[in-house]
Protein backbone atom coordinates (compact mmCIF):
# COMPACT_ATOMS: atom_id res chain seq x y z
CA MET A 1 -15.52 -25.48 -4.81
CA VAL A 2 -13.21 -23.14 -6.81
CA SER A 3 -9.56 -23.63 -5.53
CA PHE A 4 -7.51 -20.99 -3.89
CA GLU A 5 -4.93 -21.21 -6.57
CA SER A 6 -7.36 -20.54 -9.24
CA LEU A 7 -8.42 -17.49 -7.37
CA ALA A 8 -4.82 -16.38 -6.70
CA GLN A 9 -4.51 -16.83 -10.50
CA SER A 10 -7.74 -14.63 -11.55
CA VAL A 11 -6.37 -12.13 -9.29
CA ILE A 12 -2.71 -12.17 -11.01
CA ALA A 13 -4.63 -12.03 -14.76
CA GLY A 14 -6.75 -8.94 -13.08
CA ARG A 15 -10.02 -10.45 -13.90
CA GLU A 16 -12.05 -8.48 -11.50
CA ALA A 17 -15.49 -9.88 -12.52
CA GLN A 18 -14.17 -13.51 -12.26
CA VAL A 19 -12.38 -12.53 -8.72
CA LYS A 20 -15.72 -11.45 -7.44
CA GLU A 21 -17.60 -14.67 -8.77
CA GLN A 22 -15.13 -17.21 -7.20
CA VAL A 23 -15.01 -15.42 -4.00
CA GLN A 24 -19.02 -15.38 -3.74
CA GLU A 25 -18.76 -19.20 -4.75
CA MET A 26 -16.35 -19.65 -1.80
CA ILE A 27 -18.44 -17.60 0.76
CA ASN A 28 -21.28 -19.58 -0.16
CA ALA A 29 -19.42 -23.09 0.11
CA GLY A 30 -18.62 -22.00 3.47
CA ALA A 31 -14.98 -21.52 3.12
CA ASP A 32 -13.29 -19.14 6.07
CA PRO A 33 -12.91 -15.80 5.06
CA LEU A 34 -9.54 -15.33 6.33
CA ASP A 35 -8.32 -18.37 4.21
CA VAL A 36 -9.64 -16.83 1.20
CA ILE A 37 -8.02 -13.66 1.75
CA ASN A 38 -4.62 -14.92 2.70
CA GLN A 39 -4.63 -18.15 0.32
CA GLY A 40 -6.44 -16.77 -2.55
CA LEU A 41 -6.50 -13.22 -2.83
CA ILE A 42 -3.25 -11.93 -1.19
CA ALA A 43 -1.47 -15.23 -2.34
CA GLY A 44 -2.15 -13.68 -5.88
CA MET A 45 -0.83 -10.34 -5.17
CA ASN A 46 2.27 -11.79 -3.45
CA ILE A 47 3.33 -13.13 -6.96
CA VAL A 48 1.94 -9.79 -8.46
CA GLY A 49 4.58 -7.60 -6.35
CA PRO A 50 8.03 -9.56 -7.23
CA ARG A 51 6.93 -9.82 -11.26
CA PHE A 52 6.20 -6.00 -11.22
CA LYS A 53 9.84 -5.55 -9.39
CA ALA A 54 11.24 -7.84 -12.03
CA GLY A 55 10.04 -5.96 -14.93
CA ASP A 56 7.65 -8.92 -15.96
CA MET A 57 4.43 -6.66 -15.13
CA PHE A 58 3.58 -3.47 -15.86
CA VAL A 59 1.82 -0.47 -13.91
CA PRO A 60 -1.55 -0.87 -15.70
CA GLU A 61 -1.73 -4.68 -15.18
CA VAL A 62 -0.87 -4.22 -11.42
CA LEU A 63 -3.57 -1.78 -11.07
CA MET A 64 -5.92 -4.46 -12.74
CA SER A 65 -4.63 -7.24 -10.09
CA ALA A 66 -5.12 -5.02 -7.11
CA LYS A 67 -8.39 -3.81 -8.40
CA ALA A 68 -9.67 -7.47 -8.73
CA MET A 69 -8.01 -8.32 -5.10
CA SER A 70 -9.77 -5.20 -3.51
CA ALA A 71 -13.21 -6.46 -4.98
CA GLY A 72 -12.52 -9.56 -3.66
CA ILE A 73 -11.74 -8.34 -0.07
CA ALA A 74 -14.81 -6.06 -0.23
CA LEU A 75 -16.89 -9.14 -0.50
CA VAL A 76 -15.36 -11.05 2.21
CA LYS A 77 -14.62 -8.10 5.00
CA PRO A 78 -18.48 -8.09 5.96
CA LEU A 79 -17.82 -11.45 6.98
CA MET A 80 -15.23 -10.84 9.20
CA THR A 81 -16.47 -8.85 12.21
CA ASP A 82 -15.20 -11.70 14.62
CA LYS A 83 -11.66 -11.91 13.40
CA GLU A 84 -10.23 -8.91 12.30
CA LEU A 85 -7.55 -8.87 9.59
CA PRO A 86 -4.30 -8.91 11.17
CA SER A 87 -2.24 -5.79 10.23
CA MET A 88 1.38 -5.62 10.10
CA GLY A 89 1.17 -1.65 11.07
CA THR A 90 -0.48 1.27 9.94
CA ILE A 91 0.89 3.42 7.12
CA VAL A 92 -0.34 6.91 6.12
CA LEU A 93 0.33 7.76 2.68
CA GLY A 94 0.21 10.97 0.57
CA THR A 95 1.52 12.74 -2.16
CA VAL A 96 2.67 16.29 -0.80
CA LYS A 97 1.72 19.61 -1.13
CA GLY A 98 1.56 21.18 -4.45
CA ASP A 99 1.74 17.90 -6.43
CA LEU A 100 -1.27 16.33 -7.96
CA HIS A 101 0.18 12.83 -9.20
CA ASP A 102 -1.36 9.74 -7.74
CA ILE A 103 -0.97 6.46 -9.94
CA GLY A 104 2.25 5.55 -8.37
CA LYS A 105 1.07 6.57 -4.74
CA ASN A 106 -2.16 4.39 -5.54
CA LEU A 107 -0.12 1.69 -6.52
CA VAL A 108 1.85 1.63 -3.56
CA GLY A 109 -0.93 1.85 -1.61
CA MET A 110 -2.66 -1.26 -3.16
CA LEU A 111 0.66 -3.14 -2.89
CA LEU A 112 1.31 -2.47 1.01
CA GLU A 113 -2.72 -3.44 1.63
CA SER A 114 -1.76 -6.79 -0.24
CA GLY A 115 1.52 -7.22 1.89
CA GLY A 116 -0.96 -6.77 5.21
CA PHE A 117 -0.45 -3.54 5.90
CA ARG A 118 -3.55 -1.08 7.07
CA VAL A 119 -3.17 1.83 4.75
CA VAL A 120 -4.45 5.26 5.20
CA ASN A 121 -4.47 7.02 1.63
CA LEU A 122 -4.87 10.65 2.13
CA GLY A 123 -4.41 11.69 -1.81
CA ILE A 124 -2.70 14.32 -3.32
CA ASP A 125 -1.54 17.76 -2.26
CA ILE A 126 -1.29 17.18 1.53
CA ALA A 127 0.24 19.95 3.65
CA PRO A 128 2.60 18.79 6.40
CA GLU A 129 -0.12 19.60 9.06
CA ALA A 130 -2.42 17.06 7.49
CA PHE A 131 0.22 14.25 7.33
CA VAL A 132 0.69 15.25 11.10
CA LEU A 133 -3.01 14.91 12.14
CA ALA A 134 -3.18 11.85 10.04
CA VAL A 135 -0.43 10.21 11.89
CA LYS A 136 -2.00 11.52 15.36
CA GLU A 137 -5.44 10.20 14.29
CA TYR A 138 -4.62 6.76 12.93
CA LYS A 139 -1.54 6.22 15.17
CA ALA A 140 0.56 5.62 12.30
CA ASP A 141 3.75 3.45 12.37
CA ILE A 142 4.80 4.97 8.90
CA VAL A 143 4.19 8.15 6.87
CA ALA A 144 4.93 7.82 3.12
CA MET A 145 5.30 10.31 1.01
CA SER A 146 5.34 10.85 -2.96
CA ALA A 147 6.42 13.77 -5.10
CA LEU A 148 6.72 13.41 -9.07
CA LEU A 149 7.77 17.01 -9.31
CA THR A 150 11.37 18.46 -8.26
CA THR A 151 9.53 21.69 -6.92
CA THR A 152 7.28 19.83 -4.46
CA MET A 153 10.13 17.75 -3.07
CA LEU A 154 10.81 20.41 -0.48
CA GLY A 155 7.45 19.41 0.78
CA MET A 156 8.82 16.09 2.11
CA LYS A 157 11.62 18.07 4.22
CA ASP A 158 8.90 20.38 5.64
CA THR A 159 6.75 17.25 6.76
CA ILE A 160 9.75 15.45 8.32
CA GLU A 161 10.88 18.78 10.29
CA LEU A 162 7.08 19.07 11.56
CA ILE A 163 6.93 15.33 12.55
CA LYS A 164 10.03 15.90 14.28
CA GLU A 165 9.24 19.09 16.16
CA GLU A 166 5.88 17.60 17.36
CA GLY A 167 7.85 14.82 18.78
CA LEU A 168 6.14 12.09 17.07
CA ASN A 169 7.32 8.69 16.92
CA VAL A 170 6.78 7.56 13.55
CA LYS A 171 9.15 6.56 10.42
CA CYS A 172 9.17 8.51 7.48
CA ILE A 173 9.66 7.22 3.77
CA ILE A 174 9.82 8.90 0.62
CA GLY A 175 9.43 8.04 -3.15
CA GLY A 176 8.76 9.23 -6.63
CA ALA A 177 10.79 9.81 -9.70
CA PRO A 178 13.05 12.83 -8.84
CA VAL A 179 13.44 11.25 -5.28
CA SER A 180 16.74 9.62 -4.24
CA LYS A 181 18.40 7.85 -1.52
CA ASP A 182 20.97 10.89 -1.08
CA TYR A 183 17.79 13.29 -0.80
CA ALA A 184 16.31 10.95 1.65
CA ASP A 185 19.57 10.87 3.72
CA LYS A 186 19.89 14.74 3.54
CA ILE A 187 16.17 15.74 4.43
CA GLY A 188 16.35 13.06 7.51
CA ALA A 189 14.14 10.52 6.12
CA ASP A 190 14.14 6.66 7.80
CA GLY A 191 14.16 5.41 3.92
CA PHE A 192 13.63 5.71 0.04
CA ALA A 193 12.02 3.13 -2.26
CA PRO A 194 12.52 3.35 -5.89
CA ASP A 195 9.46 1.82 -6.83
CA ALA A 196 6.07 0.54 -5.27
CA ALA A 197 7.61 -3.22 -4.80
CA SER A 198 10.40 -1.84 -2.76
CA ALA A 199 8.45 0.18 -0.96
CA VAL A 200 6.49 -3.07 0.66
CA ASP A 201 10.06 -4.44 1.58
CA LEU A 202 11.21 -1.16 3.08
CA CYS A 203 8.16 -0.95 5.08
CA LYS A 204 8.41 -4.50 6.34
CA GLN A 205 12.01 -4.11 7.45
CA LEU A 206 11.52 -0.83 9.40
CA LEU A 207 8.80 -2.53 11.12
CA SER A 208 10.50 -5.48 12.08
CA ALA A 209 13.75 -3.78 12.89
C-alpha cells in the first residue's frame, strides 16, 4: 500500500491525479478513512502552510496543493458517515459588499479547511445582512471578511456593527491588502491576518482562548 508519507508529498507537490490514485489505492487496501485524511492529506497541507508563510511556496503552488488535498478528501468523505470529521469550529468566510476579489479569500478557506475547520465560503460581494444570516444558519464561531479595495473596507465595519446589533456571539476577523491591524482595532474586529497562513493561526488562537 502507498505510505501516508508519499501521499503527503503528492499533496505538497500539488499532483492532483496522483493524489486521487494514491487515495483510491489506500481505500481499496482498507485503510482507515480518517487516517488517510489526517496522516496523508492534511499532513501534507500542514507543511504547505508554514512554507507559504516563510515565502518558500507561492499562491499558485498552494492553490494546487489545496486542490489536490480537496480531491483526495472528496474520495474519502463518502466512507465517513459513521465517523464525522472532527471540526475545530465553523467559519463563515466572504469578500465584503462591492468587492469581487476571491483568490486570497479562497486560499484562506482552503488552508482553514486543512487546519481542521468547517468553512462556509459565501463568495464575493457579500452584504452585512448575508453574513448575519449565515452566522445564524451555520452557528458560526468566526466570521472572516476580506477586502482588496480601500473603498470596500467600510463593508467590514458595517458587518461588524450589524453583528453586534443582532447580539450574535461570534468572533470577527478581517484581512486583505489594504487592511491593517489599526483598522481592525478601529472597527472593533477581534483580529487581523496579514496572510492566509496567519489567518489559520489567528482562528486557532481565538477559539482556544
